[in-house]
Amino acid sequence: MIDIHSTDTQRCERIRANPKFLQLVNTRSRLAWSLSAAVLGTYYLFMGVVAFAPQWLHAPLAEHRMLTLGMPIGAAIIIFSWLLTGWYVYRANTRFDALGAAILEESK
């Protein structure tokens, strides 16, 4: 009789011992933290301008117009966040998934 838990444990140990697994974890973590810092930095910078220099954001885009500079900047921050999310998904689906599949194949 084959002990399924024992073979799963052994496979997990082989995966953890694989240098590619460490590379995958480090690369994915570094990218995730970098993108998180970029998004949070952008939001906090915007909030800092809102709190300490709101007159910059109250400036109209064109004379006699209701739209102020703050609206397109806020929209750009949201779009920037979406683009970074899309970039992470692209990287995860291309590089990270391929590396993960290679690690799983080597652990058999």
N, C-alpha and C. Protein backbone atom coordinates (compact mmCIF):
# COMPACT_ATOMS: atom_id res chain seq x y z
N MET A 1 0.84 -1.18 0.00
CA MET A 1 0.00 0.00 0.00
C MET A 1 0.89 1.25 0.00
N ILE A 2 0.53 2.22 -0.82
CA ILE A 2 1.30 3.46 -0.94
C ILE A 2 0.72 4.48 0.03
N ASP A 3 1.61 5.08 0.78
CA ASP A 3 1.20 6.13 1.72
C ASP A 3 1.19 7.46 0.96
N ILE A 4 0.00 7.96 0.64
CA ILE A 4 -0.14 9.18 -0.16
C ILE A 4 0.46 10.38 0.56
N HIS A 5 0.26 10.47 1.85
CA HIS A 5 0.76 11.60 2.61
C HIS A 5 2.29 11.62 2.62
N SER A 6 2.89 10.45 2.67
CA SER A 6 4.34 10.37 2.67
C SER A 6 4.92 10.82 1.33
N THR A 7 4.29 10.39 0.22
CA THR A 7 4.79 10.80 -1.09
C THR A 7 4.56 12.29 -1.32
N ASP A 8 3.44 12.83 -0.84
CA ASP A 8 3.19 14.27 -0.95
C ASP A 8 4.21 15.06 -0.16
N THR A 9 4.54 14.59 1.02
CA THR A 9 5.53 15.25 1.86
C THR A 9 6.90 15.22 1.20
N GLN A 10 7.24 14.09 0.63
CA GLN A 10 8.53 13.98 -0.05
C GLN A 10 8.59 14.90 -1.27
N ARG A 11 7.50 14.98 -2.00
CA ARG A 11 7.47 15.87 -3.16
C ARG A 11 7.58 17.33 -2.73
N CYS A 12 6.91 17.70 -1.67
CA CYS A 12 7.02 19.06 -1.15
C CYS A 12 8.45 19.38 -0.73
N GLU A 13 9.10 18.43 -0.12
CA GLU A 13 10.49 18.63 0.28
C GLU A 13 11.40 18.79 -0.94
N ARG A 14 11.17 18.01 -1.99
CA ARG A 14 11.95 18.15 -3.22
C ARG A 14 11.72 19.52 -3.86
N ILE A 15 10.47 19.97 -3.83
CA ILE A 15 10.16 21.29 -4.40
C ILE A 15 10.87 22.38 -3.60
N ARG A 16 10.78 22.33 -2.28
CA ARG A 16 11.42 23.35 -1.44
C ARG A 16 12.94 23.33 -1.60
N ALA A 17 13.52 22.17 -1.89
CA ALA A 17 14.97 22.07 -2.03
C ALA A 17 15.44 22.52 -3.41
N ASN A 18 14.54 22.68 -4.34
CA ASN A 18 14.89 23.07 -5.71
C ASN A 18 15.29 24.55 -5.72
N PRO A 19 16.48 24.88 -6.26
CA PRO A 19 16.89 26.29 -6.32
C PRO A 19 15.95 27.15 -7.17
N LYS A 20 15.30 26.53 -8.15
CA LYS A 20 14.34 27.29 -8.97
C LYS A 20 13.15 27.74 -8.14
N PHE A 21 12.77 26.95 -7.14
CA PHE A 21 11.65 27.34 -6.28
C PHE A 21 12.00 28.59 -5.48
N LEU A 22 13.21 28.63 -4.94
CA LEU A 22 13.66 29.82 -4.20
C LEU A 22 13.71 31.03 -5.13
N GLN A 23 14.17 30.80 -6.35
CA GLN A 23 14.20 31.89 -7.33
C GLN A 23 12.78 32.39 -7.62
N LEU A 24 11.86 31.47 -7.79
CA LEU A 24 10.46 31.83 -8.07
C LEU A 24 9.87 32.64 -6.91
N VAL A 25 10.06 32.16 -5.71
CA VAL A 25 9.51 32.86 -4.54
C VAL A 25 10.12 34.26 -4.40
N ASN A 26 11.43 34.35 -4.54
CA ASN A 26 12.09 35.66 -4.39
C ASN A 26 11.69 36.63 -5.50
N THR A 27 11.65 36.15 -6.73
CA THR A 27 11.30 37.03 -7.85
C THR A 27 9.86 37.52 -7.74
N ARG A 28 8.96 36.60 -7.42
CA ARG A 28 7.55 36.98 -7.29
C ARG A 28 7.34 37.94 -6.13
N SER A 29 7.99 37.68 -5.01
CA SER A 29 7.86 38.58 -3.86
C SER A 29 8.43 39.96 -4.15
N ARG A 30 9.60 39.99 -4.78
CA ARG A 30 10.23 41.28 -5.10
C ARG A 30 9.33 42.09 -6.03
N LEU A 31 8.76 41.44 -7.04
CA LEU A 31 7.87 42.15 -7.96
C LEU A 31 6.61 42.63 -7.25
N ALA A 32 6.01 41.77 -6.45
CA ALA A 32 4.78 42.15 -5.74
C ALA A 32 5.02 43.31 -4.79
N TRP A 33 6.11 43.27 -4.03
CA TRP A 33 6.40 44.36 -3.11
C TRP A 33 6.73 45.65 -3.85
N SER A 34 7.44 45.55 -4.97
CA SER A 34 7.77 46.75 -5.75
C SER A 34 6.52 47.41 -6.32
N LEU A 35 5.63 46.60 -6.87
CA LEU A 35 4.41 47.16 -7.43
C LEU A 35 3.50 47.73 -6.34
N SER A 36 3.46 47.05 -5.20
CA SER A 36 2.67 47.57 -4.07
C SER A 36 3.22 48.90 -3.60
N ALA A 37 4.53 49.01 -3.52
CA ALA A 37 5.15 50.27 -3.10
C ALA A 37 4.86 51.38 -4.11
N ALA A 38 4.87 51.05 -5.40
CA ALA A 38 4.59 52.05 -6.42
C ALA A 38 3.16 52.56 -6.30
N VAL A 39 2.21 51.66 -6.13
CA VAL A 39 0.81 52.07 -6.02
C VAL A 39 0.58 52.86 -4.73
N LEU A 40 1.07 52.33 -3.62
CA LEU A 40 0.87 53.04 -2.35
C LEU A 40 1.58 54.39 -2.34
N GLY A 41 2.77 54.44 -2.90
CA GLY A 41 3.50 55.71 -2.98
C GLY A 41 2.73 56.74 -3.79
N THR A 42 2.15 56.29 -4.89
CA THR A 42 1.36 57.19 -5.73
C THR A 42 0.13 57.71 -4.99
N TYR A 43 -0.58 56.81 -4.33
CA TYR A 43 -1.77 57.22 -3.57
C TYR A 43 -1.39 58.17 -2.42
N TYR A 44 -0.34 57.84 -1.69
CA TYR A 44 0.04 58.70 -0.56
C TYR A 44 0.55 60.06 -1.05
N LEU A 45 1.23 60.09 -2.17
CA LEU A 45 1.66 61.36 -2.74
C LEU A 45 0.44 62.21 -3.10
N PHE A 46 -0.54 61.58 -3.72
CA PHE A 46 -1.77 62.30 -4.07
C PHE A 46 -2.47 62.81 -2.81
N MET A 47 -2.58 61.97 -1.80
CA MET A 47 -3.22 62.39 -0.55
C MET A 47 -2.43 63.50 0.13
N GLY A 48 -1.11 63.45 0.02
CA GLY A 48 -0.29 64.52 0.57
C GLY A 48 -0.55 65.84 -0.13
N VAL A 49 -0.70 65.81 -1.44
CA VAL A 49 -1.02 67.03 -2.18
C VAL A 49 -2.42 67.51 -1.79
N VAL A 50 -3.36 66.60 -1.64
CA VAL A 50 -4.71 66.97 -1.22
C VAL A 50 -4.67 67.66 0.14
N ALA A 51 -3.88 67.13 1.05
CA ALA A 51 -3.84 67.66 2.42
C ALA A 51 -3.04 68.95 2.54
N PHE A 52 -1.90 69.03 1.85
CA PHE A 52 -0.99 70.15 2.11
C PHE A 52 -0.90 71.18 0.99
N ALA A 53 -1.36 70.86 -0.19
CA ALA A 53 -1.34 71.84 -1.29
C ALA A 53 -2.57 71.67 -2.17
N PRO A 54 -3.76 71.79 -1.59
CA PRO A 54 -4.97 71.56 -2.39
C PRO A 54 -5.16 72.56 -3.52
N GLN A 55 -4.55 73.71 -3.41
CA GLN A 55 -4.70 74.72 -4.46
C GLN A 55 -4.14 74.23 -5.80
N TRP A 56 -3.18 73.34 -5.77
CA TRP A 56 -2.65 72.76 -7.02
C TRP A 56 -3.73 71.95 -7.73
N LEU A 57 -4.52 71.23 -6.97
CA LEU A 57 -5.54 70.37 -7.56
C LEU A 57 -6.82 71.14 -7.92
N HIS A 58 -7.00 72.32 -7.32
CA HIS A 58 -8.18 73.14 -7.61
C HIS A 58 -8.04 73.94 -8.89
N ALA A 59 -6.84 73.96 -9.44
CA ALA A 59 -6.62 74.74 -10.65
C ALA A 59 -7.43 74.15 -11.81
N PRO A 60 -8.15 75.01 -12.54
CA PRO A 60 -8.94 74.50 -13.67
C PRO A 60 -8.04 74.07 -14.83
N LEU A 61 -8.50 73.07 -15.58
CA LEU A 61 -7.73 72.62 -16.75
C LEU A 61 -7.71 73.67 -17.84
N ALA A 62 -8.82 74.37 -18.00
CA ALA A 62 -8.91 75.46 -18.97
C ALA A 62 -9.71 76.59 -18.34
N GLU A 63 -9.49 77.77 -18.83
CA GLU A 63 -10.18 78.92 -18.27
C GLU A 63 -11.69 78.79 -18.48
N HIS A 64 -12.45 79.14 -17.45
CA HIS A 64 -13.91 79.09 -17.45
C HIS A 64 -14.45 77.66 -17.61
N ARG A 65 -13.73 76.69 -17.10
CA ARG A 65 -14.17 75.30 -17.13
C ARG A 65 -14.33 74.80 -15.71
N MET A 66 -15.22 73.82 -15.54
CA MET A 66 -15.48 73.27 -14.21
C MET A 66 -14.47 72.18 -13.83
N LEU A 67 -13.91 71.52 -14.80
CA LEU A 67 -13.01 70.41 -14.54
C LEU A 67 -11.67 70.92 -14.01
N THR A 68 -11.28 70.42 -12.84
CA THR A 68 -10.03 70.85 -12.24
C THR A 68 -8.93 69.83 -12.50
N LEU A 69 -7.73 70.19 -12.19
CA LEU A 69 -6.56 69.34 -12.41
C LEU A 69 -6.63 68.06 -11.57
N GLY A 70 -7.30 68.10 -10.44
CA GLY A 70 -7.37 66.95 -9.56
C GLY A 70 -8.11 65.76 -10.15
N MET A 71 -9.11 66.01 -10.98
CA MET A 71 -9.91 64.92 -11.55
C MET A 71 -9.09 64.03 -12.49
N PRO A 72 -8.41 64.59 -13.49
CA PRO A 72 -7.64 63.71 -14.36
C PRO A 72 -6.45 63.07 -13.65
N ILE A 73 -5.90 63.74 -12.66
CA ILE A 73 -4.81 63.13 -11.89
C ILE A 73 -5.33 61.93 -11.11
N GLY A 74 -6.48 62.07 -10.48
CA GLY A 74 -7.09 60.95 -9.76
C GLY A 74 -7.40 59.79 -10.70
N ALA A 75 -7.94 60.10 -11.87
CA ALA A 75 -8.23 59.05 -12.86
C ALA A 75 -6.94 58.38 -13.34
N ALA A 76 -5.89 59.16 -13.53
CA ALA A 76 -4.60 58.60 -13.96
C ALA A 76 -4.02 57.66 -12.91
N ILE A 77 -4.21 57.98 -11.65
CA ILE A 77 -3.73 57.10 -10.58
C ILE A 77 -4.46 55.76 -10.62
N ILE A 78 -5.76 55.80 -10.84
CA ILE A 78 -6.53 54.56 -10.93
C ILE A 78 -6.08 53.74 -12.15
N ILE A 79 -5.92 54.38 -13.28
CA ILE A 79 -5.48 53.69 -14.49
C ILE A 79 -4.07 53.13 -14.30
N PHE A 80 -3.20 53.89 -13.64
CA PHE A 80 -1.85 53.42 -13.34
C PHE A 80 -1.90 52.14 -12.50
N SER A 81 -2.79 52.10 -11.52
CA SER A 81 -2.95 50.90 -10.69
C SER A 81 -3.43 49.72 -11.51
N TRP A 82 -4.38 49.95 -12.42
CA TRP A 82 -4.86 48.89 -13.29
C TRP A 82 -3.74 48.36 -14.18
N LEU A 83 -2.94 49.27 -14.73
CA LEU A 83 -1.85 48.86 -15.61
C LEU A 83 -0.82 48.02 -14.86
N LEU A 84 -0.50 48.42 -13.64
CA LEU A 84 0.44 47.63 -12.85
C LEU A 84 -0.13 46.26 -12.52
N THR A 85 -1.43 46.19 -12.23
CA THR A 85 -2.07 44.90 -11.98
C THR A 85 -2.01 44.03 -13.22
N GLY A 86 -2.29 44.60 -14.37
CA GLY A 86 -2.22 43.87 -15.63
C GLY A 86 -0.81 43.37 -15.92
N TRP A 87 0.18 44.20 -15.61
CA TRP A 87 1.57 43.80 -15.83
C TRP A 87 1.93 42.62 -14.92
N TYR A 88 1.48 42.68 -13.67
CA TYR A 88 1.75 41.57 -12.77
C TYR A 88 1.09 40.28 -13.26
N VAL A 89 -0.14 40.37 -13.71
CA VAL A 89 -0.85 39.19 -14.22
C VAL A 89 -0.12 38.63 -15.44
N TYR A 90 0.33 39.51 -16.33
CA TYR A 90 1.08 39.08 -17.51
C TYR A 90 2.36 38.34 -17.11
N ARG A 91 3.10 38.94 -16.18
CA ARG A 91 4.34 38.29 -15.72
C ARG A 91 4.05 36.97 -15.03
N ALA A 92 3.00 36.92 -14.23
CA ALA A 92 2.65 35.68 -13.54
C ALA A 92 2.27 34.59 -14.53
N ASN A 93 1.52 34.96 -15.57
CA ASN A 93 1.06 33.98 -16.54
C ASN A 93 2.16 33.53 -17.50
N THR A 94 3.16 34.35 -17.71
CA THR A 94 4.22 33.98 -18.65
C THR A 94 5.42 33.38 -17.92
N ARG A 95 6.05 34.14 -17.07
CA ARG A 95 7.29 33.67 -16.44
C ARG A 95 7.05 32.80 -15.21
N PHE A 96 6.20 33.24 -14.32
CA PHE A 96 6.03 32.52 -13.06
C PHE A 96 5.36 31.16 -13.26
N ASP A 97 4.35 31.11 -14.11
CA ASP A 97 3.68 29.84 -14.36
C ASP A 97 4.61 28.85 -15.05
N ALA A 98 5.41 29.33 -15.99
CA ALA A 98 6.36 28.45 -16.68
C ALA A 98 7.40 27.90 -15.71
N LEU A 99 7.90 28.76 -14.85
CA LEU A 99 8.89 28.32 -13.86
C LEU A 99 8.25 27.36 -12.86
N GLY A 100 7.03 27.63 -12.44
CA GLY A 100 6.32 26.73 -11.53
C GLY A 100 6.07 25.37 -12.15
N ALA A 101 5.72 25.37 -13.43
CA ALA A 101 5.51 24.09 -14.12
C ALA A 101 6.81 23.30 -14.22
N ALA A 102 7.91 23.99 -14.48
CA ALA A 102 9.21 23.31 -14.54
C ALA A 102 9.58 22.72 -13.18
N ILE A 103 9.31 23.45 -12.13
CA ILE A 103 9.60 22.96 -10.77
C ILE A 103 8.77 21.72 -10.47
N LEU A 104 7.49 21.76 -10.80
CA LEU A 104 6.63 20.60 -10.56
C LEU A 104 7.07 19.39 -11.38
N GLU A 105 7.49 19.64 -12.61
CA GLU A 105 7.95 18.53 -13.46
C GLU A 105 9.22 17.89 -12.88
N GLU A 106 10.11 18.72 -12.38
CA GLU A 106 11.35 18.20 -11.80
C GLU A 106 11.13 17.46 -10.49
N SER A 107 10.03 17.74 -9.82
CA SER A 107 9.79 17.13 -8.51
C SER A 107 9.15 15.75 -8.61
N LYS A 108 8.78 15.34 -9.80
CA LYS A 108 8.11 14.03 -9.95
C LYS A 108 9.07 12.89 -9.70
